Each structure stands twice: as structure tokens, then as C-alpha cells.
N, C-alpha and C. Protein backbone atom coordinates (compact mmCIF):
# COMPACT_ATOMS: atom_id res chain seq x y z
N MET A 1 -3.00 -21.40 191.28
CA MET A 1 -2.11 -20.27 191.20
C MET A 1 -1.42 -20.06 192.55
N VAL A 2 -0.14 -19.80 192.49
CA VAL A 2 0.61 -19.55 193.71
C VAL A 2 0.18 -18.19 194.26
N ASP A 3 -0.26 -18.21 195.49
CA ASP A 3 -0.76 -17.00 196.13
C ASP A 3 0.40 -16.04 196.41
N PRO A 4 0.33 -14.82 195.87
CA PRO A 4 1.42 -13.86 196.10
C PRO A 4 1.59 -13.49 197.58
N LEU A 5 0.51 -13.55 198.34
CA LEU A 5 0.63 -13.26 199.77
C LEU A 5 1.45 -14.32 200.50
N VAL A 6 1.29 -15.58 200.09
CA VAL A 6 2.07 -16.66 200.70
C VAL A 6 3.54 -16.48 200.33
N LYS A 7 3.78 -16.13 199.08
CA LYS A 7 5.15 -15.90 198.63
C LYS A 7 5.79 -14.75 199.42
N LYS A 8 5.03 -13.67 199.58
CA LYS A 8 5.53 -12.53 200.35
C LYS A 8 5.79 -12.93 201.80
N ALA A 9 4.85 -13.66 202.40
CA ALA A 9 5.01 -14.11 203.78
C ALA A 9 6.26 -14.97 203.94
N ALA A 10 6.50 -15.86 202.98
CA ALA A 10 7.69 -16.72 203.02
C ALA A 10 8.96 -15.88 202.99
N GLU A 11 8.97 -14.88 202.12
CA GLU A 11 10.15 -14.00 202.01
C GLU A 11 10.36 -13.20 203.29
N VAL A 12 9.29 -12.63 203.83
CA VAL A 12 9.40 -11.82 205.05
C VAL A 12 9.83 -12.69 206.22
N GLU A 13 9.24 -13.87 206.37
CA GLU A 13 9.60 -14.77 207.47
C GLU A 13 11.05 -15.22 207.35
N ASP A 14 11.53 -15.42 206.13
CA ASP A 14 12.92 -15.81 205.92
C ASP A 14 13.86 -14.70 206.40
N LYS A 15 13.57 -13.46 206.01
CA LYS A 15 14.39 -12.32 206.46
C LYS A 15 14.31 -12.16 207.97
N ALA A 16 13.11 -12.29 208.51
CA ALA A 16 12.92 -12.12 209.95
C ALA A 16 13.68 -13.20 210.73
N ALA A 17 13.63 -14.44 210.25
CA ALA A 17 14.33 -15.53 210.94
C ALA A 17 15.83 -15.27 210.98
N LYS A 18 16.37 -14.81 209.85
CA LYS A 18 17.81 -14.49 209.82
C LYS A 18 18.12 -13.35 210.78
N SER A 19 17.27 -12.34 210.78
CA SER A 19 17.48 -11.18 211.64
C SER A 19 17.42 -11.56 213.12
N TYR A 20 16.43 -12.35 213.51
CA TYR A 20 16.32 -12.77 214.90
C TYR A 20 17.50 -13.63 215.31
N THR A 21 17.90 -14.54 214.43
CA THR A 21 19.02 -15.43 214.73
C THR A 21 20.31 -14.62 214.90
N GLU A 22 20.55 -13.70 213.98
CA GLU A 22 21.75 -12.85 214.07
C GLU A 22 21.68 -11.95 215.30
N GLY A 23 20.52 -11.39 215.58
CA GLY A 23 20.36 -10.52 216.74
C GLY A 23 20.60 -11.26 218.04
N LEU A 24 20.09 -12.47 218.11
CA LEU A 24 20.29 -13.29 219.30
C LEU A 24 21.77 -13.61 219.48
N ALA A 25 22.46 -13.90 218.39
CA ALA A 25 23.90 -14.19 218.47
C ALA A 25 24.66 -12.95 218.98
N LYS A 26 24.26 -11.77 218.53
CA LYS A 26 24.91 -10.53 218.99
C LYS A 26 24.65 -10.30 220.47
N ILE A 27 23.40 -10.51 220.88
CA ILE A 27 23.05 -10.34 222.30
C ILE A 27 23.88 -11.28 223.15
N ARG A 28 23.97 -12.52 222.75
CA ARG A 28 24.72 -13.52 223.52
C ARG A 28 26.24 -13.29 223.41
N GLY A 29 26.66 -12.72 222.30
CA GLY A 29 28.09 -12.52 222.05
C GLY A 29 28.70 -11.38 222.85
N GLN A 30 27.89 -10.59 223.52
CA GLN A 30 28.40 -9.46 224.30
C GLN A 30 29.01 -9.88 225.63
N GLY A 31 28.78 -11.10 226.01
CA GLY A 31 29.30 -11.57 227.28
C GLY A 31 28.46 -11.11 228.46
N LEU A 32 27.33 -10.50 228.18
CA LEU A 32 26.42 -10.06 229.23
C LEU A 32 25.18 -10.92 229.21
N LYS A 33 24.46 -10.95 230.28
CA LYS A 33 23.26 -11.77 230.34
C LYS A 33 22.03 -10.87 230.35
N TYR A 34 21.19 -11.03 229.35
CA TYR A 34 19.92 -10.31 229.25
C TYR A 34 18.81 -11.35 229.29
N THR A 35 18.55 -11.91 230.43
CA THR A 35 17.67 -13.06 230.58
C THR A 35 16.30 -12.84 229.93
N ASP A 36 15.61 -11.76 230.30
CA ASP A 36 14.27 -11.50 229.76
C ASP A 36 14.33 -11.26 228.26
N THR A 37 15.28 -10.47 227.82
CA THR A 37 15.41 -10.15 226.39
C THR A 37 15.69 -11.41 225.59
N GLU A 38 16.63 -12.21 226.08
CA GLU A 38 16.97 -13.46 225.37
C GLU A 38 15.78 -14.40 225.29
N ALA A 39 15.02 -14.49 226.37
CA ALA A 39 13.86 -15.37 226.39
C ALA A 39 12.82 -14.94 225.36
N VAL A 40 12.55 -13.64 225.30
CA VAL A 40 11.56 -13.12 224.35
C VAL A 40 12.06 -13.31 222.91
N VAL A 41 13.30 -12.91 222.66
CA VAL A 41 13.83 -12.99 221.30
C VAL A 41 13.95 -14.46 220.86
N THR A 42 14.35 -15.34 221.77
CA THR A 42 14.45 -16.76 221.44
C THR A 42 13.08 -17.32 221.07
N ARG A 43 12.07 -16.99 221.86
CA ARG A 43 10.71 -17.47 221.58
C ARG A 43 10.24 -17.00 220.20
N ILE A 44 10.45 -15.72 219.92
CA ILE A 44 10.02 -15.18 218.62
C ILE A 44 10.84 -15.79 217.49
N ALA A 45 12.14 -15.98 217.71
CA ALA A 45 13.00 -16.58 216.68
C ALA A 45 12.53 -17.99 216.34
N VAL A 46 12.22 -18.78 217.36
CA VAL A 46 11.75 -20.16 217.14
C VAL A 46 10.44 -20.14 216.34
N ASP A 47 9.49 -19.31 216.77
CA ASP A 47 8.22 -19.21 216.05
C ASP A 47 8.43 -18.77 214.61
N THR A 48 9.31 -17.80 214.40
CA THR A 48 9.56 -17.28 213.06
C THR A 48 10.18 -18.34 212.16
N ILE A 49 11.09 -19.13 212.70
CA ILE A 49 11.67 -20.23 211.91
C ILE A 49 10.57 -21.21 211.49
N ILE A 50 9.66 -21.51 212.41
CA ILE A 50 8.54 -22.40 212.08
C ILE A 50 7.66 -21.75 211.01
N HIS A 51 7.34 -20.48 211.17
CA HIS A 51 6.52 -19.77 210.17
C HIS A 51 7.18 -19.83 208.80
N LYS A 52 8.49 -19.59 208.75
CA LYS A 52 9.23 -19.60 207.49
C LYS A 52 9.06 -20.95 206.79
N HIS A 53 9.24 -22.01 207.53
CA HIS A 53 9.14 -23.34 206.92
C HIS A 53 7.71 -23.69 206.52
N LEU A 54 6.73 -23.24 207.31
CA LEU A 54 5.33 -23.47 206.94
C LEU A 54 4.99 -22.74 205.64
N MET A 55 5.44 -21.50 205.50
CA MET A 55 5.16 -20.75 204.27
C MET A 55 5.83 -21.40 203.07
N LYS A 56 7.05 -21.88 203.25
CA LYS A 56 7.75 -22.57 202.15
C LYS A 56 7.00 -23.85 201.77
N ALA A 57 6.49 -24.56 202.78
CA ALA A 57 5.72 -25.79 202.51
C ALA A 57 4.43 -25.46 201.77
N ILE A 58 3.76 -24.39 202.17
CA ILE A 58 2.53 -23.98 201.48
C ILE A 58 2.83 -23.60 200.05
N LEU A 59 3.92 -22.87 199.83
CA LEU A 59 4.31 -22.50 198.45
C LEU A 59 4.54 -23.74 197.60
N GLU A 60 5.27 -24.70 198.14
CA GLU A 60 5.54 -25.94 197.40
C GLU A 60 4.25 -26.70 197.10
N ALA A 61 3.35 -26.74 198.07
CA ALA A 61 2.07 -27.43 197.86
C ALA A 61 1.27 -26.72 196.78
N GLN A 62 1.26 -25.39 196.80
CA GLN A 62 0.52 -24.64 195.78
C GLN A 62 1.10 -24.90 194.38
N LYS A 63 2.42 -24.96 194.29
CA LYS A 63 3.05 -25.24 192.99
C LYS A 63 2.68 -26.65 192.51
N GLU A 64 2.71 -27.61 193.41
CA GLU A 64 2.38 -28.98 193.04
C GLU A 64 0.92 -29.09 192.60
N LEU A 65 0.03 -28.41 193.32
CA LEU A 65 -1.39 -28.42 192.96
C LEU A 65 -1.61 -27.75 191.61
N GLU A 66 -0.88 -26.70 191.34
CA GLU A 66 -0.97 -26.02 190.04
C GLU A 66 -0.57 -26.97 188.92
N ASN A 67 0.52 -27.71 189.12
CA ASN A 67 0.97 -28.69 188.13
C ASN A 67 -0.03 -29.84 187.99
N PHE A 68 -0.61 -30.24 189.10
CA PHE A 68 -1.63 -31.29 189.10
C PHE A 68 -2.80 -30.88 188.21
N ARG A 69 -3.29 -29.66 188.38
CA ARG A 69 -4.41 -29.16 187.57
C ARG A 69 -4.03 -29.05 186.10
N LYS A 70 -2.82 -28.62 185.83
CA LYS A 70 -2.37 -28.49 184.43
C LYS A 70 -2.34 -29.84 183.73
N GLY A 71 -2.09 -30.89 184.48
CA GLY A 71 -2.07 -32.23 183.91
C GLY A 71 -3.42 -32.70 183.41
N TYR A 72 -4.48 -32.02 183.82
CA TYR A 72 -5.83 -32.42 183.43
C TYR A 72 -6.52 -31.41 182.52
N GLU A 73 -5.80 -30.38 182.08
CA GLU A 73 -6.41 -29.35 181.24
C GLU A 73 -6.93 -29.89 179.91
N HIS A 74 -6.26 -30.91 179.38
CA HIS A 74 -6.64 -31.47 178.08
C HIS A 74 -7.81 -32.45 178.17
N VAL A 75 -8.15 -32.88 179.37
CA VAL A 75 -9.21 -33.87 179.56
C VAL A 75 -10.56 -33.19 179.46
N LYS A 76 -11.44 -33.81 178.67
CA LYS A 76 -12.81 -33.28 178.55
C LYS A 76 -13.57 -33.56 179.83
N GLU A 77 -14.59 -32.78 180.06
CA GLU A 77 -15.44 -32.99 181.24
C GLU A 77 -16.12 -34.35 181.10
N PRO A 78 -15.89 -35.25 182.06
CA PRO A 78 -16.49 -36.58 181.94
C PRO A 78 -18.00 -36.54 182.16
N MET A 79 -18.66 -37.50 181.54
CA MET A 79 -20.12 -37.62 181.70
C MET A 79 -20.38 -38.54 182.89
N GLU A 80 -21.38 -38.20 183.68
CA GLU A 80 -21.75 -39.04 184.81
C GLU A 80 -22.51 -40.25 184.27
N ILE A 81 -22.00 -41.44 184.57
CA ILE A 81 -22.67 -42.67 184.13
C ILE A 81 -22.81 -43.59 185.33
N GLU A 82 -23.71 -44.50 185.23
CA GLU A 82 -23.88 -45.51 186.28
C GLU A 82 -22.79 -46.56 186.05
N PRO A 83 -21.93 -46.80 187.05
CA PRO A 83 -20.85 -47.77 186.85
C PRO A 83 -21.39 -49.20 186.79
N THR A 84 -20.67 -50.02 186.08
CA THR A 84 -21.00 -51.45 186.08
C THR A 84 -20.68 -52.00 187.46
N LYS A 85 -21.12 -53.22 187.74
CA LYS A 85 -20.82 -53.85 189.03
C LYS A 85 -19.31 -53.98 189.22
N GLU A 86 -18.62 -54.29 188.16
CA GLU A 86 -17.17 -54.45 188.22
C GLU A 86 -16.49 -53.11 188.54
N GLN A 87 -16.95 -52.04 187.89
CA GLN A 87 -16.39 -50.71 188.15
C GLN A 87 -16.70 -50.26 189.57
N ALA A 88 -17.91 -50.51 190.03
CA ALA A 88 -18.32 -50.14 191.39
C ALA A 88 -17.46 -50.88 192.42
N LEU A 89 -17.19 -52.15 192.16
CA LEU A 89 -16.35 -52.94 193.05
C LEU A 89 -14.92 -52.38 193.08
N LEU A 90 -14.43 -51.97 191.94
CA LEU A 90 -13.10 -51.37 191.84
C LEU A 90 -13.03 -50.08 192.66
N VAL A 91 -14.03 -49.22 192.52
CA VAL A 91 -14.08 -47.97 193.28
C VAL A 91 -14.16 -48.27 194.77
N LYS A 92 -14.98 -49.24 195.13
CA LYS A 92 -15.15 -49.61 196.54
C LYS A 92 -13.83 -50.12 197.12
N ARG A 93 -13.15 -50.97 196.40
CA ARG A 93 -11.86 -51.49 196.87
C ARG A 93 -10.83 -50.38 197.02
N PHE A 94 -10.83 -49.46 196.05
CA PHE A 94 -9.93 -48.31 196.09
C PHE A 94 -10.19 -47.49 197.36
N ALA A 95 -11.45 -47.21 197.62
CA ALA A 95 -11.85 -46.40 198.79
C ALA A 95 -11.51 -47.14 200.09
N GLU A 96 -11.73 -48.45 200.14
CA GLU A 96 -11.43 -49.23 201.34
C GLU A 96 -9.93 -49.23 201.63
N MET A 97 -9.14 -49.34 200.61
CA MET A 97 -7.69 -49.32 200.76
C MET A 97 -7.26 -47.96 201.35
N HIS A 98 -7.82 -46.91 200.82
CA HIS A 98 -7.45 -45.58 201.29
C HIS A 98 -8.06 -45.27 202.66
N LEU A 99 -9.14 -45.93 202.99
CA LEU A 99 -9.75 -45.78 204.30
C LEU A 99 -8.75 -46.22 205.38
N GLU A 100 -8.05 -47.30 205.11
CA GLU A 100 -7.04 -47.79 206.05
C GLU A 100 -5.89 -46.80 206.19
N ILE A 101 -5.48 -46.21 205.07
CA ILE A 101 -4.41 -45.21 205.10
C ILE A 101 -4.84 -44.01 205.94
N GLU A 102 -6.06 -43.54 205.71
CA GLU A 102 -6.58 -42.39 206.46
C GLU A 102 -6.68 -42.71 207.94
N LYS A 103 -7.10 -43.91 208.27
CA LYS A 103 -7.21 -44.35 209.67
C LYS A 103 -5.83 -44.30 210.34
N ASP A 104 -4.83 -44.77 209.63
CA ASP A 104 -3.46 -44.74 210.14
C ASP A 104 -2.99 -43.30 210.35
N MET A 105 -3.32 -42.42 209.40
CA MET A 105 -2.91 -41.02 209.52
C MET A 105 -3.62 -40.33 210.68
N ILE A 106 -4.88 -40.65 210.90
CA ILE A 106 -5.61 -40.07 212.04
C ILE A 106 -4.89 -40.42 213.34
N GLU A 107 -4.56 -41.70 213.50
CA GLU A 107 -3.88 -42.14 214.72
C GLU A 107 -2.50 -41.50 214.85
N THR A 108 -1.79 -41.42 213.75
CA THR A 108 -0.44 -40.82 213.77
C THR A 108 -0.51 -39.35 214.17
N TYR A 109 -1.41 -38.60 213.57
CA TYR A 109 -1.52 -37.18 213.90
C TYR A 109 -2.04 -36.96 215.32
N LYS A 110 -2.91 -37.86 215.81
CA LYS A 110 -3.36 -37.75 217.20
C LYS A 110 -2.18 -37.93 218.16
N LYS A 111 -1.35 -38.92 217.88
CA LYS A 111 -0.17 -39.15 218.71
C LYS A 111 0.80 -37.97 218.64
N MET A 112 0.96 -37.43 217.43
CA MET A 112 1.82 -36.25 217.28
C MET A 112 1.29 -35.09 218.11
N ALA A 113 -0.02 -34.85 218.03
CA ALA A 113 -0.63 -33.75 218.78
C ALA A 113 -0.41 -33.91 220.28
N GLU A 114 -0.48 -35.14 220.75
CA GLU A 114 -0.26 -35.40 222.18
C GLU A 114 1.18 -35.11 222.59
N LYS A 115 2.13 -35.42 221.70
CA LYS A 115 3.55 -35.30 222.04
C LYS A 115 4.14 -33.92 221.76
N MET A 116 3.52 -33.16 220.87
CA MET A 116 4.07 -31.86 220.50
C MET A 116 4.01 -30.90 221.68
N THR A 117 5.10 -30.21 221.92
CA THR A 117 5.12 -29.23 223.00
C THR A 117 4.94 -27.81 222.48
N HIS A 118 5.38 -27.55 221.27
CA HIS A 118 5.22 -26.20 220.73
C HIS A 118 3.77 -26.04 220.27
N PRO A 119 3.11 -24.94 220.67
CA PRO A 119 1.70 -24.76 220.34
C PRO A 119 1.40 -24.72 218.84
N LEU A 120 2.32 -24.22 218.03
CA LEU A 120 2.09 -24.21 216.58
C LEU A 120 2.05 -25.63 216.02
N PHE A 121 3.02 -26.45 216.42
CA PHE A 121 3.05 -27.84 215.95
C PHE A 121 1.84 -28.62 216.44
N LYS A 122 1.49 -28.40 217.70
CA LYS A 122 0.33 -29.08 218.29
C LYS A 122 -0.94 -28.69 217.52
N GLY A 123 -1.12 -27.41 217.24
CA GLY A 123 -2.30 -26.93 216.50
C GLY A 123 -2.37 -27.49 215.10
N ILE A 124 -1.22 -27.58 214.44
CA ILE A 124 -1.19 -28.14 213.08
C ILE A 124 -1.57 -29.62 213.12
N ALA A 125 -1.00 -30.35 214.07
CA ALA A 125 -1.32 -31.78 214.18
C ALA A 125 -2.81 -31.97 214.47
N GLU A 126 -3.37 -31.15 215.34
CA GLU A 126 -4.81 -31.25 215.65
C GLU A 126 -5.66 -30.92 214.42
N ALA A 127 -5.25 -29.92 213.65
CA ALA A 127 -5.98 -29.57 212.43
C ALA A 127 -5.88 -30.71 211.41
N LEU A 128 -4.73 -31.36 211.34
CA LEU A 128 -4.56 -32.49 210.41
C LEU A 128 -5.43 -33.67 210.83
N VAL A 129 -5.60 -33.89 212.12
CA VAL A 129 -6.50 -34.95 212.60
C VAL A 129 -7.90 -34.69 212.05
N LYS A 130 -8.39 -33.47 212.20
CA LYS A 130 -9.73 -33.12 211.71
C LYS A 130 -9.84 -33.31 210.20
N ASN A 131 -8.80 -32.91 209.47
CA ASN A 131 -8.80 -33.05 208.02
C ASN A 131 -8.82 -34.52 207.61
N GLU A 132 -8.02 -35.35 208.28
CA GLU A 132 -7.99 -36.78 207.97
C GLU A 132 -9.30 -37.45 208.35
N GLU A 133 -9.94 -36.99 209.43
CA GLU A 133 -11.25 -37.52 209.80
C GLU A 133 -12.28 -37.20 208.73
N GLU A 134 -12.17 -36.03 208.13
CA GLU A 134 -13.08 -35.67 207.02
C GLU A 134 -12.83 -36.58 205.81
N HIS A 135 -11.56 -36.86 205.51
CA HIS A 135 -11.24 -37.79 204.41
C HIS A 135 -11.86 -39.16 204.71
N HIS A 136 -11.72 -39.60 205.95
CA HIS A 136 -12.26 -40.89 206.37
C HIS A 136 -13.77 -40.93 206.16
N ARG A 137 -14.45 -39.86 206.56
CA ARG A 137 -15.91 -39.76 206.41
C ARG A 137 -16.31 -39.81 204.93
N LEU A 138 -15.57 -39.09 204.09
CA LEU A 138 -15.89 -39.05 202.66
C LEU A 138 -15.68 -40.42 202.01
N LEU A 139 -14.61 -41.10 202.38
CA LEU A 139 -14.36 -42.44 201.82
C LEU A 139 -15.42 -43.43 202.27
N LYS A 140 -15.85 -43.35 203.54
CA LYS A 140 -16.91 -44.25 204.03
C LYS A 140 -18.19 -44.01 203.24
N LYS A 141 -18.48 -42.77 202.96
CA LYS A 141 -19.67 -42.42 202.19
C LYS A 141 -19.58 -43.00 200.77
N LEU A 142 -18.40 -42.94 200.19
CA LEU A 142 -18.18 -43.50 198.85
C LEU A 142 -18.35 -45.02 198.88
N ILE A 143 -17.83 -45.66 199.91
CA ILE A 143 -17.97 -47.11 200.05
C ILE A 143 -19.44 -47.49 200.17
N GLU A 144 -20.18 -46.75 200.99
CA GLU A 144 -21.60 -47.01 201.17
C GLU A 144 -22.38 -46.87 199.86
N LYS A 145 -21.95 -45.92 199.05
CA LYS A 145 -22.62 -45.68 197.75
C LYS A 145 -22.51 -46.92 196.85
N TYR A 146 -21.39 -47.64 196.96
CA TYR A 146 -21.16 -48.77 196.07
C TYR A 146 -21.31 -50.12 196.77
N GLU A 147 -21.92 -50.14 197.96
CA GLU A 147 -22.21 -51.41 198.63
C GLU A 147 -23.32 -52.13 197.85
N GLU A 148 -23.23 -53.41 197.85
CA GLU A 148 -24.26 -54.21 197.14
C GLU A 148 -25.44 -54.50 198.02
């Protein structure tokens, strides 16, 4: 379900971003220099634009996840069975393939975190590294389960 708080946050951040952008244009359009004011408003405007896009991304992810779950509503609860050797090998190969993808993503997000200058982007990249490392750990555990 799409979280109404995320939807509200996206709407508020969108309005705020427009307001900060317009306000900054008015401040600059006066032909006067308000160095401290411009610096503060610019910083908040940049952060607000980032917040707006993050909330929109979260909304889109929630919608996609909702559709993903709906695609499985008709499926009965599967029974846990011991896989055949062939099935176990298939699962193991699947996990190994994705292990490489996760490894690549860990390295990519680490490099992003190193290069990001804005603290929000840096924090997100660092959080993604941790999340991808968890995926890596889970896949390794799955591979170990089906080792011969």
C-alpha cells in the first residue's frame, strides 16, 4: 500500500521546492546582494529539491511493490519440499549469478559514496552499500545451503 505520509511528503516537498526556487529568484532579481540569506536559502532549496525527488522515487517504488504483490495474489502458498539435485543446482547457479551483480553494486555504491559531496547523497550511497552487503550475505547463505 502506498503510504499516505510519503505521498503527503512528496506534495509538500514539491511545493516547498517551487517556493524556495521562486523566492531565490526574487532575492537575486532585486539587484541587491544578500550573501548570507542567499547562501541559506540556496542550501535549503538544494536539499528540498533532493527531498522532493527522493519522495517521488519512494512513491514509485511503493506502487511497483504493490503491483508486484498483486501479481502473486492468485498463487497458492507453496509447500516446502526438498529440491532435487537438479533443482538445487539451478537455485545455486541463480544465486551465484546474482552474487556477482550484488558484488558489482557494492563496489559501485562505495565509489559513489566516496565521490558524493552532498551529505544526503553520500548517506544514501552508504546505506545502499550496507543493503547490498546484506543481499550478498543472504545469497552466500543460499549458495552454502545447496553446496554438494
